[in-house]
Amino acid sequence: MKRVLITGAAGFLGSHLCDRFIKEGFHVIGMDNLITGNLSNIEHLFKLEQFEFHHHDVTTFVHVPGELDYILHFASPASPIDYLKIPIQTLKVGSLGTHNLLGLAKVKNARILIASTSEVYGDPLVHPQDENYYGNVNTIGPRGVYDEAKRFQESITMAYHRFHGLETRIVRIFNTYGPRMRLNDGRVIPAFMGQALRGEDLTIFGDGLQTRSFCYVDDQVEGIYRLLLSDYALPVNIGNPDEITIKDFAEEIIKLTGTDQKVIYQDLPVDDPMQRKPDISKAIELLDWEAKVDRKEGMRKTFEYFKSLSQEQLYKSEHKDFSKHIRK
């Protein structure tokens, strides 16, 4: 049985990756310091022999006993609320954490996939964004702690690939959504759906003409899995190129939820990108991958999840004891 280490395992994407690799017959070692992750996301895996969880901060020395075939590094805050609140930790997990895991991959002779982001493109001057675009990033702005952490992450990963011959993969993830997102994490989909569930007006920052392209989590996980098993070391965009303005998206949410909220407008945050759309030509060519789940279906599934878990999620986070499942 092949063994894979997944960091950020209790997070949104990390937990779905744990599910996928369990399904594919791997022994999965999940690792998370739980600074933004939630053990409720992987509670269903604790009973499985092929899953183990380590409560650990990857910015300190990382030790995993036994052989490792693959490492997927998904340990990082991903929402503006999180990385603006914990900026130093965000920079450290992208730099020190990545360095530690690359070193572990070298020692274990394991292939490592690094989770990068479309935020490396900043507020883009090229549209849609392809992997050859170097980006337009404000290094000293408030969002720079996340953008630059990811850009450094890509640089050190390629250095290990070129200097040490390490097998590396880099995925640039565009806006991804689905079950297990946190209702109040500040990203547009949980923000809108949380407001709808509470009967609040939907808040748009700026004039609402900025665009995003939303990819359902099952599609994202499929793309990541294919990239890991590919022979390509340079970055690859994985996202859904179906682009929509935030204003039009808010109207879709109101229609989906059957509510009659109004839309209110607030000032646009500093360096918030005005356009976001992936060029996925490389993913199509190299991985035979493109998104399959349309936004209407994906949003329906996501909203049903939020409706069913809004109260239960609070209960779990406050009252369930997961300590017996945690390895320090």
Protein backbone atom coordinates (compact mmCIF):
# COMPACT_ATOMS: atom_id res chain seq x y z
CA MET A 1 0.00 0.00 0.00
CA LYS A 2 1.54 3.31 -1.08
CA ARG A 3 1.82 6.00 1.58
CA VAL A 4 0.99 9.69 1.13
CA LEU A 5 1.43 12.60 3.54
CA ILE A 6 -1.18 15.35 3.15
CA THR A 7 -0.53 18.57 5.08
CA GLY A 8 -3.46 20.84 5.82
CA ALA A 9 -5.47 17.62 6.01
CA ALA A 10 -8.24 19.05 8.19
CA GLY A 11 -8.86 21.96 5.85
CA PHE A 12 -11.36 22.27 3.02
CA LEU A 13 -9.27 20.97 0.12
CA GLY A 14 -6.98 18.84 2.25
CA SER A 15 -9.85 16.81 3.67
CA HIS A 16 -11.26 16.11 0.20
CA LEU A 17 -7.81 14.98 -0.92
CA CYS A 18 -7.66 12.60 2.06
CA ASP A 19 -10.95 11.10 0.88
CA ARG A 20 -9.69 10.70 -2.67
CA PHE A 21 -6.44 8.99 -1.73
CA ILE A 22 -8.21 6.65 0.68
CA LYS A 23 -10.56 5.76 -2.18
CA GLU A 24 -7.57 5.09 -4.43
CA GLY A 25 -6.13 2.59 -1.92
CA PHE A 26 -3.39 4.70 -0.30
CA HIS A 27 -2.37 4.79 3.33
CA VAL A 28 -2.99 8.46 4.18
CA ILE A 29 -1.07 10.37 6.84
CA GLY A 30 -2.92 13.60 7.56
CA MET A 31 -1.07 16.47 9.21
CA ASP A 32 -2.48 19.79 10.44
CA ASN A 33 -1.81 22.27 13.25
CA LEU A 34 -5.55 23.13 13.24
CA ILE A 35 -4.95 26.87 13.12
CA THR A 36 -7.65 27.10 10.43
CA GLY A 37 -8.54 23.43 9.86
CA ASN A 38 -11.37 21.56 11.56
CA LEU A 39 -11.14 17.92 12.61
CA SER A 40 -14.84 17.53 11.84
CA ASN A 41 -13.80 17.51 8.16
CA ILE A 42 -11.93 14.23 8.62
CA GLU A 43 -13.88 12.72 11.51
CA HIS A 44 -15.28 10.05 9.23
CA LEU A 45 -11.75 8.78 8.46
CA PHE A 46 -10.61 8.17 12.04
CA LYS A 47 -12.07 4.67 12.14
CA LEU A 48 -10.07 3.55 9.09
CA GLU A 49 -6.82 1.59 9.47
CA GLN A 50 -5.39 3.25 6.37
CA PHE A 51 -5.68 6.73 7.88
CA GLU A 52 -3.72 8.39 10.67
CA PHE A 53 -3.63 11.98 11.86
CA HIS A 54 -0.70 13.97 13.25
CA HIS A 55 -1.32 17.27 15.03
CA HIS A 56 1.79 19.15 13.98
CA ASP A 57 3.03 22.50 12.68
CA VAL A 58 5.07 21.97 9.52
CA THR A 59 7.07 25.15 10.12
CA THR A 60 8.97 23.13 12.73
CA PHE A 61 10.95 19.98 11.95
CA VAL A 62 8.75 17.38 10.24
CA HIS A 63 9.33 13.69 10.94
CA VAL A 64 7.22 10.86 9.52
CA PRO A 65 8.30 7.30 10.34
CA GLY A 66 8.56 4.74 7.55
CA GLU A 67 8.48 5.08 3.81
CA LEU A 68 6.66 7.81 1.92
CA ASP A 69 5.74 7.72 -1.75
CA TYR A 70 4.05 11.12 -2.07
CA ILE A 71 3.68 14.39 -0.19
CA LEU A 72 0.93 16.95 -0.88
CA HIS A 73 1.59 20.29 0.80
CA PHE A 74 -1.75 22.05 1.42
CA ALA A 75 -0.97 23.58 4.82
CA SER A 76 -1.70 27.29 4.51
CA PRO A 77 -4.40 29.79 5.37
CA ALA A 78 -6.30 30.44 2.14
CA SER A 79 -8.90 33.07 2.95
CA PRO A 80 -8.25 36.81 3.35
CA ILE A 81 -9.76 36.81 6.85
CA ASP A 82 -7.24 34.17 7.93
CA TYR A 83 -4.06 35.39 6.31
CA LEU A 84 -4.69 39.01 7.27
CA LYS A 85 -5.22 37.88 10.88
CA ILE A 86 -2.17 35.59 10.98
CA PRO A 87 0.24 37.11 8.45
CA ILE A 88 3.48 35.84 10.00
CA GLN A 89 2.21 32.26 10.21
CA THR A 90 1.09 32.51 6.58
CA LEU A 91 4.57 33.56 5.46
CA LYS A 92 6.20 30.88 7.60
CA VAL A 93 4.12 27.99 6.30
CA GLY A 94 4.88 29.02 2.72
CA SER A 95 8.60 29.37 3.38
CA LEU A 96 9.81 27.34 6.38
CA GLY A 97 7.02 24.79 6.03
CA THR A 98 7.71 24.23 2.34
CA HIS A 99 11.45 23.99 2.99
CA ASN A 100 10.88 21.35 5.67
CA LEU A 101 8.62 19.27 3.45
CA LEU A 102 10.95 19.48 0.46
CA GLY A 103 13.70 18.23 2.74
CA LEU A 104 11.47 15.39 3.91
CA ALA A 105 10.67 14.49 0.31
CA LYS A 106 14.40 14.41 -0.48
CA VAL A 107 15.16 12.13 2.46
CA LYS A 108 12.23 9.82 1.67
CA ASN A 109 12.78 9.93 -2.11
CA ALA A 110 9.11 10.94 -2.39
CA ARG A 111 7.35 12.94 -5.08
CA ILE A 112 5.95 16.20 -3.69
CA LEU A 113 3.09 18.34 -4.97
CA ILE A 114 2.92 21.95 -3.80
CA ALA A 115 -0.39 23.82 -3.62
CA SER A 116 0.11 27.23 -5.18
CA THR A 117 -2.64 29.65 -6.12
CA SER A 118 -3.95 32.00 -8.77
CA GLU A 119 -3.00 34.77 -6.33
CA VAL A 120 0.56 34.54 -7.66
CA TYR A 121 -0.84 36.48 -10.64
CA GLY A 122 -1.94 39.33 -8.34
CA ASP A 123 -4.26 41.86 -9.98
CA PRO A 124 -3.52 40.59 -13.49
CA LEU A 125 -2.72 42.68 -16.53
CA VAL A 126 -3.17 39.59 -18.73
CA HIS A 127 -6.54 37.91 -19.23
CA PRO A 128 -7.12 35.00 -18.99
CA GLN A 129 -4.09 34.06 -16.93
CA ASP A 130 -1.76 31.38 -18.25
CA GLU A 131 1.23 29.80 -16.55
CA ASN A 132 3.73 31.96 -18.45
CA TYR A 133 2.37 35.19 -16.93
CA TYR A 134 4.63 36.47 -14.14
CA GLY A 135 1.94 38.41 -12.31
CA ASN A 136 1.27 41.90 -10.95
CA VAL A 137 1.72 41.61 -7.18
CA ASN A 138 2.15 44.28 -4.52
CA THR A 139 4.84 42.72 -2.33
CA ILE A 140 4.27 45.12 0.59
CA GLY A 141 0.46 45.29 0.49
CA PRO A 142 -1.70 43.46 3.04
CA ARG A 143 -2.35 40.58 0.61
CA GLY A 144 1.38 40.27 -0.08
CA VAL A 145 1.83 37.91 2.88
CA TYR A 146 -0.19 35.26 1.03
CA ASP A 147 0.85 36.10 -2.54
CA GLU A 148 4.56 36.21 -1.78
CA ALA A 149 4.46 33.12 0.43
CA LYS A 150 3.09 31.20 -2.54
CA ARG A 151 5.52 32.76 -5.02
CA PHE A 152 8.46 31.85 -2.78
CA GLN A 153 6.98 28.38 -2.40
CA GLU A 154 7.10 27.91 -6.17
CA SER A 155 10.68 29.23 -6.35
CA ILE A 156 12.13 26.96 -3.69
CA THR A 157 10.24 23.98 -5.11
CA MET A 158 11.78 24.53 -8.54
CA ALA A 159 15.20 25.01 -6.90
CA TYR A 160 14.90 21.58 -5.24
CA HIS A 161 13.76 20.12 -8.55
CA ARG A 162 16.67 21.58 -10.52
CA PHE A 163 19.45 21.31 -7.92
CA HIS A 164 18.55 18.06 -6.16
CA GLY A 165 16.62 16.35 -8.97
CA LEU A 166 13.58 16.07 -6.67
CA GLU A 167 10.31 14.98 -8.28
CA THR A 168 8.07 18.00 -7.79
CA ARG A 169 4.67 19.18 -9.02
CA ILE A 170 3.07 22.63 -8.65
CA VAL A 171 -0.67 23.24 -8.94
CA ARG A 172 -1.98 26.80 -9.26
CA ILE A 173 -5.44 26.59 -7.75
CA PHE A 174 -8.16 28.98 -8.88
CA ASN A 175 -11.24 29.75 -6.75
CA THR A 176 -12.57 26.41 -5.52
CA TYR A 177 -15.77 25.78 -3.58
CA GLY A 178 -17.92 23.00 -2.17
CA PRO A 179 -18.86 21.21 1.05
CA ARG A 180 -16.58 21.73 4.08
CA MET A 181 -15.83 25.37 3.37
CA ARG A 182 -16.14 27.46 6.53
CA LEU A 183 -19.24 29.64 6.50
CA ASN A 184 -17.43 32.73 7.76
CA ASP A 185 -13.98 32.40 6.17
CA GLY A 186 -14.33 35.60 4.14
CA ARG A 187 -14.29 34.09 0.65
CA VAL A 188 -17.10 35.13 -1.65
CA ILE A 189 -19.14 31.90 -1.79
CA PRO A 190 -19.33 31.11 1.95
CA ALA A 191 -19.74 34.82 2.66
CA PHE A 192 -22.75 35.14 0.36
CA MET A 193 -24.28 31.85 1.48
CA GLY A 194 -23.74 32.65 5.15
CA GLN A 195 -25.49 35.99 4.71
CA ALA A 196 -28.34 34.30 2.86
CA LEU A 197 -28.78 31.73 5.65
CA ARG A 198 -28.88 34.49 8.24
CA GLY A 199 -31.31 36.58 6.19
CA GLU A 200 -28.79 39.38 5.79
CA ASP A 201 -28.21 41.54 2.74
CA LEU A 202 -25.40 40.37 0.47
CA THR A 203 -22.25 42.48 0.67
CA ILE A 204 -20.33 43.28 -2.49
CA PHE A 205 -16.95 44.99 -2.24
CA GLY A 206 -16.35 47.52 -5.00
CA ASP A 207 -18.79 47.93 -7.88
CA GLY A 208 -19.28 44.19 -8.36
CA LEU A 209 -17.87 44.22 -11.88
CA GLN A 210 -14.76 42.30 -10.84
CA THR A 211 -14.82 38.70 -12.05
CA ARG A 212 -14.13 35.28 -10.60
CA SER A 213 -14.14 31.74 -12.00
CA PHE A 214 -15.40 29.09 -9.57
CA CYS A 215 -14.34 25.43 -9.69
CA TYR A 216 -16.23 22.72 -7.81
CA VAL A 217 -14.09 20.77 -5.35
CA ASP A 218 -14.52 17.36 -7.03
CA ASP A 219 -13.14 18.78 -10.27
CA GLN A 220 -10.25 20.43 -8.44
CA VAL A 221 -9.30 17.21 -6.64
CA GLU A 222 -9.38 15.28 -9.92
CA GLY A 223 -7.03 17.80 -11.52
CA ILE A 224 -4.64 17.68 -8.57
CA TYR A 225 -4.62 13.88 -8.59
CA ARG A 226 -3.84 13.75 -12.30
CA LEU A 227 -1.09 16.33 -11.96
CA LEU A 228 0.58 14.42 -9.12
CA LEU A 229 0.74 11.29 -11.27
CA SER A 230 1.92 13.17 -14.36
CA ASP A 231 5.50 13.74 -15.51
CA TYR A 232 5.28 17.55 -15.57
CA ALA A 233 7.25 19.65 -13.07
CA LEU A 234 6.30 23.23 -14.01
CA PRO A 235 3.16 24.96 -12.64
CA VAL A 236 -0.27 24.00 -14.02
CA ASN A 237 -3.48 26.01 -13.64
CA ILE A 238 -6.41 23.99 -12.31
CA GLY A 239 -9.68 25.91 -12.33
CA ASN A 240 -12.96 26.44 -14.14
CA PRO A 241 -12.75 29.14 -16.85
CA ASP A 242 -16.49 29.89 -16.59
CA GLU A 243 -16.13 33.56 -15.60
CA ILE A 244 -18.81 35.68 -13.89
CA THR A 245 -18.96 39.14 -12.30
CA ILE A 246 -19.47 39.28 -8.55
CA LYS A 247 -22.63 41.34 -9.10
CA ASP A 248 -24.18 38.68 -11.34
CA PHE A 249 -23.02 35.99 -8.96
CA ALA A 250 -24.82 37.67 -6.05
CA GLU A 251 -28.04 37.58 -8.08
CA GLU A 252 -27.49 33.85 -8.70
CA ILE A 253 -27.13 33.26 -4.95
CA ILE A 254 -30.35 35.17 -4.20
CA LYS A 255 -32.17 33.08 -6.80
CA LEU A 256 -30.65 29.83 -5.52
CA THR A 257 -31.57 30.50 -1.89
CA GLY A 258 -35.06 31.74 -2.69
CA THR A 259 -34.55 34.80 -0.52
CA ASP A 260 -35.28 38.45 -1.18
CA GLN A 261 -32.12 40.04 0.19
CA LYS A 262 -30.81 43.23 -1.25
CA VAL A 263 -27.25 43.74 -2.39
CA ILE A 264 -25.23 46.37 -0.55
CA TYR A 265 -21.87 47.79 -1.60
CA GLN A 266 -18.72 48.52 0.41
CA ASP A 267 -15.24 49.75 -0.47
CA LEU A 268 -13.00 47.35 -2.37
CA PRO A 269 -10.13 45.95 -0.25
CA VAL A 270 -6.58 46.93 -1.17
CA ASP A 271 -5.12 44.98 -4.13
CA ASP A 272 -8.25 42.90 -4.63
CA PRO A 273 -7.89 41.45 -8.16
CA MET A 274 -10.33 42.77 -10.74
CA GLN A 275 -10.24 39.74 -13.03
CA ARG A 276 -9.69 36.07 -12.45
CA LYS A 277 -9.98 33.43 -15.16
CA PRO A 278 -7.64 30.51 -15.76
CA ASP A 279 -6.22 29.52 -19.09
CA ILE A 280 -6.37 25.73 -18.71
CA SER A 281 -4.87 24.82 -22.09
CA LYS A 282 -1.95 23.13 -20.35
CA ALA A 283 -4.20 21.04 -18.08
CA ILE A 284 -6.24 19.93 -21.09
CA GLU A 285 -3.14 19.00 -23.08
CA LEU A 286 -1.05 17.38 -20.34
CA LEU A 287 -3.66 15.91 -18.01
CA ASP A 288 -6.71 15.50 -20.26
CA TRP A 289 -8.50 17.49 -17.56
CA GLU A 290 -11.19 20.14 -17.54
CA ALA A 291 -13.95 21.02 -15.11
CA LYS A 292 -17.14 18.94 -15.47
CA VAL A 293 -19.47 20.27 -12.76
CA ASP A 294 -21.39 23.36 -13.85
CA ARG A 295 -21.83 26.22 -11.41
CA LYS A 296 -25.59 25.74 -10.94
CA GLU A 297 -25.17 22.13 -9.80
CA GLY A 298 -22.09 22.83 -7.70
CA MET A 299 -23.72 25.76 -5.93
CA ARG A 300 -26.83 23.71 -5.19
CA LYS A 301 -24.71 21.01 -3.51
CA THR A 302 -22.73 23.59 -1.58
CA PHE A 303 -25.79 25.43 -0.32
CA GLU A 304 -27.44 22.18 0.77
CA TYR A 305 -24.30 21.42 2.76
CA PHE A 306 -24.33 24.81 4.47
CA LYS A 307 -28.03 24.51 5.28
CA SER A 308 -27.58 21.09 6.86
CA LEU A 309 -24.44 21.86 8.86
CA SER A 310 -24.84 25.42 10.03
CA GLN A 311 -25.96 24.39 13.54
CA GLU A 312 -24.37 20.95 13.65
CA GLN A 313 -21.00 22.43 12.71
CA LEU A 314 -21.10 24.73 15.72
CA TYR A 315 -22.01 21.82 17.97
CA LYS A 316 -19.15 19.68 16.72
CA SER A 317 -16.53 22.39 17.06
CA GLU A 318 -17.50 23.10 20.65
CA HIS A 319 -18.40 19.73 22.10
CA LYS A 320 -16.76 16.84 20.28
CA ASP A 321 -13.54 15.42 21.72
CA PHE A 322 -11.07 14.30 19.04
CA SER A 323 -8.03 13.99 21.32
CA LYS A 324 -7.77 10.19 21.10
CA HIS A 325 -7.27 10.44 17.34
CA ILE A 326 -4.43 12.97 17.46
CA ARG A 327 -0.75 12.09 17.27
CA LYS A 328 1.43 14.91 18.52
